[in-house]
Amino acid sequence: MRIRNVRHKGLRRFIEADESAGLAAVTIEKVRNILSFLQAMTDADELRTIPSWRAHQLTGDRKGTWSLTVTKNWRLTFRIDETDGEIVDLDYEDYH
């Protein structure tokens, strides 16, 4: 899937220019793997194939937002525009 937009500045810089400033050094490889997977996947059901990412959809006011575990507290979150087949509002956040 194509990534339409990225909210986190450091993550955007990492995707566009391969600059890791703004991301913890210990997470770089995992973030890179997750991003590669997201761009290669064709369907949201594929997210559940990697158990260590603990893929799930959020509830409440964030209903429809997917969350993938990067570290104990940090997550990659995003929505999927099913119509266009794109990742929307990709973010790197500590929401716990």
N, C-alpha and C. Protein backbone atom coordinates (compact mmCIF):
# COMPACT_ATOMS: atom_id res chain seq x y z
N MET A 1 0.84 -1.18 0.00
CA MET A 1 0.00 0.00 0.00
C MET A 1 0.88 1.23 0.00
N ARG A 2 0.41 2.22 -0.67
CA ARG A 2 1.10 3.50 -0.69
C ARG A 2 0.81 4.26 0.60
N ILE A 3 1.81 4.95 1.12
CA ILE A 3 1.63 5.79 2.31
C ILE A 3 1.27 7.19 1.82
N ARG A 4 0.07 7.64 2.15
CA ARG A 4 -0.41 8.94 1.68
C ARG A 4 0.22 10.09 2.46
N ASN A 5 0.21 9.98 3.79
CA ASN A 5 0.77 11.07 4.60
C ASN A 5 1.32 10.53 5.91
N VAL A 6 2.30 11.25 6.45
CA VAL A 6 2.97 10.87 7.70
C VAL A 6 2.88 12.05 8.66
N ARG A 7 2.41 11.81 9.85
CA ARG A 7 2.22 12.89 10.83
C ARG A 7 3.49 13.20 11.64
N HIS A 8 4.25 12.19 12.01
CA HIS A 8 5.44 12.35 12.84
C HIS A 8 6.60 12.85 11.97
N LYS A 9 7.19 13.99 12.34
CA LYS A 9 8.25 14.60 11.53
C LYS A 9 9.47 13.69 11.37
N GLY A 10 9.90 13.07 12.46
CA GLY A 10 11.06 12.18 12.39
C GLY A 10 10.80 10.97 11.50
N LEU A 11 9.61 10.43 11.59
CA LEU A 11 9.25 9.28 10.75
C LEU A 11 9.16 9.70 9.29
N ARG A 12 8.62 10.88 9.03
CA ARG A 12 8.55 11.39 7.65
C ARG A 12 9.94 11.55 7.06
N ARG A 13 10.86 12.11 7.85
CA ARG A 13 12.25 12.30 7.42
C ARG A 13 12.91 10.94 7.14
N PHE A 14 12.60 9.96 7.98
CA PHE A 14 13.15 8.61 7.82
C PHE A 14 12.68 7.99 6.51
N ILE A 15 11.41 8.14 6.20
CA ILE A 15 10.84 7.58 4.98
C ILE A 15 11.36 8.29 3.74
N GLU A 16 11.39 9.61 3.79
CA GLU A 16 11.75 10.39 2.60
C GLU A 16 13.25 10.46 2.34
N ALA A 17 14.06 10.53 3.41
CA ALA A 17 15.49 10.77 3.22
C ALA A 17 16.38 9.76 3.95
N ASP A 18 15.79 8.74 4.56
CA ASP A 18 16.53 7.74 5.32
C ASP A 18 17.37 8.37 6.43
N GLU A 19 16.85 9.43 7.03
CA GLU A 19 17.50 10.09 8.17
C GLU A 19 16.78 9.66 9.43
N SER A 20 17.51 9.14 10.40
CA SER A 20 16.89 8.57 11.59
C SER A 20 16.74 9.54 12.76
N ALA A 21 17.12 10.80 12.59
CA ALA A 21 16.95 11.78 13.67
C ALA A 21 15.47 11.85 14.03
N GLY A 22 15.18 11.80 15.32
CA GLY A 22 13.80 11.85 15.77
C GLY A 22 13.22 10.49 16.09
N LEU A 23 13.99 9.44 15.82
CA LEU A 23 13.58 8.08 16.16
C LEU A 23 14.68 7.46 17.04
N ALA A 24 14.27 6.66 17.99
CA ALA A 24 15.25 6.01 18.86
C ALA A 24 16.09 5.03 18.05
N ALA A 25 17.38 5.07 18.23
CA ALA A 25 18.31 4.24 17.45
C ALA A 25 17.99 2.75 17.54
N VAL A 26 17.53 2.29 18.71
CA VAL A 26 17.25 0.87 18.88
C VAL A 26 15.99 0.43 18.11
N THR A 27 15.21 1.37 17.63
CA THR A 27 13.96 1.02 16.93
C THR A 27 14.09 1.09 15.41
N ILE A 28 15.18 1.62 14.91
CA ILE A 28 15.32 1.88 13.48
C ILE A 28 15.07 0.64 12.62
N GLU A 29 15.70 -0.46 12.95
CA GLU A 29 15.55 -1.66 12.12
C GLU A 29 14.11 -2.18 12.14
N LYS A 30 13.49 -2.17 13.32
CA LYS A 30 12.10 -2.64 13.40
C LYS A 30 11.16 -1.72 12.63
N VAL A 31 11.36 -0.42 12.76
CA VAL A 31 10.53 0.54 12.02
C VAL A 31 10.72 0.34 10.52
N ARG A 32 11.94 0.14 10.10
CA ARG A 32 12.22 -0.08 8.67
C ARG A 32 11.49 -1.34 8.17
N ASN A 33 11.52 -2.42 8.97
CA ASN A 33 10.85 -3.66 8.59
C ASN A 33 9.33 -3.47 8.51
N ILE A 34 8.77 -2.77 9.48
CA ILE A 34 7.33 -2.54 9.47
C ILE A 34 6.93 -1.70 8.27
N LEU A 35 7.68 -0.63 7.99
CA LEU A 35 7.36 0.23 6.85
C LEU A 35 7.43 -0.54 5.53
N SER A 36 8.44 -1.38 5.39
CA SER A 36 8.56 -2.20 4.18
C SER A 36 7.36 -3.12 4.03
N PHE A 37 6.97 -3.72 5.14
CA PHE A 37 5.82 -4.62 5.13
C PHE A 37 4.55 -3.86 4.73
N LEU A 38 4.33 -2.69 5.35
CA LEU A 38 3.13 -1.89 5.05
C LEU A 38 3.06 -1.53 3.57
N GLN A 39 4.18 -1.17 3.01
CA GLN A 39 4.19 -0.77 1.60
C GLN A 39 3.98 -1.96 0.67
N ALA A 40 4.34 -3.16 1.11
CA ALA A 40 4.20 -4.34 0.26
C ALA A 40 2.84 -5.03 0.42
N MET A 41 2.15 -4.79 1.53
CA MET A 41 0.91 -5.52 1.77
C MET A 41 -0.21 -5.04 0.84
N THR A 42 -1.17 -5.91 0.64
CA THR A 42 -2.31 -5.59 -0.23
C THR A 42 -3.62 -5.54 0.53
N ASP A 43 -3.62 -6.08 1.76
CA ASP A 43 -4.86 -6.17 2.52
C ASP A 43 -4.57 -6.05 4.01
N ALA A 44 -5.46 -5.43 4.76
CA ALA A 44 -5.27 -5.22 6.20
C ALA A 44 -5.16 -6.54 6.96
N ASP A 45 -5.75 -7.60 6.46
CA ASP A 45 -5.67 -8.90 7.14
C ASP A 45 -4.24 -9.40 7.28
N GLU A 46 -3.37 -8.95 6.40
CA GLU A 46 -1.96 -9.36 6.44
C GLU A 46 -1.25 -8.85 7.70
N LEU A 47 -1.78 -7.80 8.32
CA LEU A 47 -1.14 -7.22 9.50
C LEU A 47 -1.03 -8.22 10.64
N ARG A 48 -1.96 -9.11 10.73
CA ARG A 48 -1.98 -10.08 11.84
C ARG A 48 -1.02 -11.25 11.64
N THR A 49 -0.29 -11.29 10.53
CA THR A 49 0.62 -12.41 10.27
C THR A 49 1.92 -12.33 11.07
N ILE A 50 2.22 -11.17 11.65
CA ILE A 50 3.43 -11.01 12.47
C ILE A 50 2.98 -10.79 13.92
N PRO A 51 2.91 -11.85 14.72
CA PRO A 51 2.39 -11.74 16.09
C PRO A 51 3.12 -10.74 16.97
N SER A 52 4.42 -10.59 16.81
CA SER A 52 5.19 -9.69 17.68
C SER A 52 4.81 -8.22 17.51
N TRP A 53 4.14 -7.88 16.41
CA TRP A 53 3.71 -6.49 16.21
C TRP A 53 2.41 -6.20 16.94
N ARG A 54 1.72 -7.22 17.38
CA ARG A 54 0.47 -7.08 18.13
C ARG A 54 -0.52 -6.15 17.42
N ALA A 55 -0.72 -6.39 16.14
CA ALA A 55 -1.61 -5.57 15.33
C ALA A 55 -3.03 -5.63 15.87
N HIS A 56 -3.61 -4.46 16.08
CA HIS A 56 -5.01 -4.38 16.49
C HIS A 56 -5.57 -3.01 16.13
N GLN A 57 -6.88 -2.95 16.07
CA GLN A 57 -7.52 -1.67 15.82
C GLN A 57 -7.92 -1.05 17.14
N LEU A 58 -7.75 0.26 17.23
CA LEU A 58 -8.09 0.98 18.44
C LEU A 58 -9.61 1.16 18.51
N THR A 59 -10.08 1.54 19.68
CA THR A 59 -11.51 1.73 19.89
C THR A 59 -11.79 3.15 20.34
N GLY A 60 -13.01 3.43 20.64
CA GLY A 60 -13.40 4.76 21.12
C GLY A 60 -13.24 5.82 20.05
N ASP A 61 -12.67 6.95 20.44
CA ASP A 61 -12.52 8.06 19.49
C ASP A 61 -11.44 7.78 18.44
N ARG A 62 -10.71 6.70 18.60
CA ARG A 62 -9.68 6.32 17.61
C ARG A 62 -10.10 5.09 16.81
N LYS A 63 -11.37 4.79 16.83
CA LYS A 63 -11.90 3.62 16.12
C LYS A 63 -11.48 3.68 14.65
N GLY A 64 -11.02 2.54 14.14
CA GLY A 64 -10.58 2.47 12.75
C GLY A 64 -9.09 2.70 12.57
N THR A 65 -8.40 3.09 13.64
CA THR A 65 -6.96 3.30 13.60
C THR A 65 -6.26 2.01 13.99
N TRP A 66 -5.30 1.58 13.18
CA TRP A 66 -4.50 0.40 13.47
C TRP A 66 -3.31 0.78 14.34
N SER A 67 -2.86 -0.14 15.17
CA SER A 67 -1.69 0.07 16.01
C SER A 67 -0.76 -1.14 15.87
N LEU A 68 0.53 -0.86 15.66
CA LEU A 68 1.56 -1.90 15.61
C LEU A 68 2.62 -1.56 16.66
N THR A 69 2.99 -2.53 17.47
CA THR A 69 3.97 -2.31 18.54
C THR A 69 5.38 -2.21 17.98
N VAL A 70 6.08 -1.14 18.38
CA VAL A 70 7.49 -0.98 18.05
C VAL A 70 8.32 -1.32 19.28
N THR A 71 8.00 -0.69 20.40
CA THR A 71 8.64 -1.00 21.69
C THR A 71 7.54 -1.08 22.74
N LYS A 72 7.94 -1.21 23.99
CA LYS A 72 6.97 -1.33 25.07
C LYS A 72 5.91 -0.23 25.02
N ASN A 73 6.32 1.01 24.82
CA ASN A 73 5.38 2.13 24.80
C ASN A 73 5.10 2.70 23.42
N TRP A 74 6.02 2.55 22.50
CA TRP A 74 5.89 3.23 21.19
C TRP A 74 5.18 2.36 20.16
N ARG A 75 4.33 3.00 19.38
CA ARG A 75 3.54 2.33 18.35
C ARG A 75 3.60 3.09 17.03
N LEU A 76 3.44 2.37 15.94
CA LEU A 76 3.13 2.98 14.66
C LEU A 76 1.62 2.87 14.53
N THR A 77 0.96 3.98 14.31
CA THR A 77 -0.49 3.99 14.17
C THR A 77 -0.85 4.57 12.81
N PHE A 78 -1.97 4.12 12.27
CA PHE A 78 -2.40 4.57 10.95
C PHE A 78 -3.81 4.10 10.68
N ARG A 79 -4.41 4.70 9.69
CA ARG A 79 -5.69 4.24 9.18
C ARG A 79 -5.46 3.73 7.77
N ILE A 80 -6.38 2.93 7.28
CA ILE A 80 -6.30 2.43 5.92
C ILE A 80 -7.50 2.93 5.14
N ASP A 81 -7.22 3.64 4.06
CA ASP A 81 -8.27 4.08 3.15
C ASP A 81 -8.52 2.93 2.19
N GLU A 82 -9.57 2.17 2.45
CA GLU A 82 -9.88 0.98 1.66
C GLU A 82 -10.19 1.32 0.21
N THR A 83 -10.80 2.48 -0.02
CA THR A 83 -11.17 2.89 -1.37
C THR A 83 -9.94 3.05 -2.26
N ASP A 84 -8.95 3.77 -1.74
CA ASP A 84 -7.73 4.04 -2.52
C ASP A 84 -6.62 3.04 -2.23
N GLY A 85 -6.80 2.19 -1.22
CA GLY A 85 -5.76 1.23 -0.84
C GLY A 85 -4.50 1.92 -0.37
N GLU A 86 -4.67 2.93 0.52
CA GLU A 86 -3.53 3.71 1.01
C GLU A 86 -3.50 3.76 2.53
N ILE A 87 -2.30 3.91 3.06
CA ILE A 87 -2.08 4.14 4.49
C ILE A 87 -2.24 5.65 4.71
N VAL A 88 -3.05 6.01 5.70
CA VAL A 88 -3.35 7.42 5.96
C VAL A 88 -2.97 7.76 7.41
N ASP A 89 -2.43 8.96 7.61
CA ASP A 89 -2.10 9.48 8.94
C ASP A 89 -1.16 8.56 9.71
N LEU A 90 -0.12 8.07 9.05
CA LEU A 90 0.88 7.23 9.71
C LEU A 90 1.58 8.05 10.78
N ASP A 91 1.67 7.50 11.98
CA ASP A 91 2.25 8.24 13.10
C ASP A 91 3.11 7.29 13.93
N TYR A 92 4.07 7.87 14.64
CA TYR A 92 4.94 7.16 15.57
C TYR A 92 4.66 7.80 16.91
N GLU A 93 4.02 7.08 17.82
CA GLU A 93 3.57 7.73 19.04
C GLU A 93 3.63 6.85 20.27
N ASP A 94 3.70 7.52 21.40
CA ASP A 94 3.63 6.89 22.71
C ASP A 94 2.25 7.23 23.25
N TYR A 95 1.29 6.34 23.03
CA TYR A 95 -0.07 6.67 23.46
C TYR A 95 -0.48 5.94 24.73
N HIS A 96 0.45 5.31 25.42
CA HIS A 96 0.12 4.62 26.67
C HIS A 96 0.53 5.48 27.85
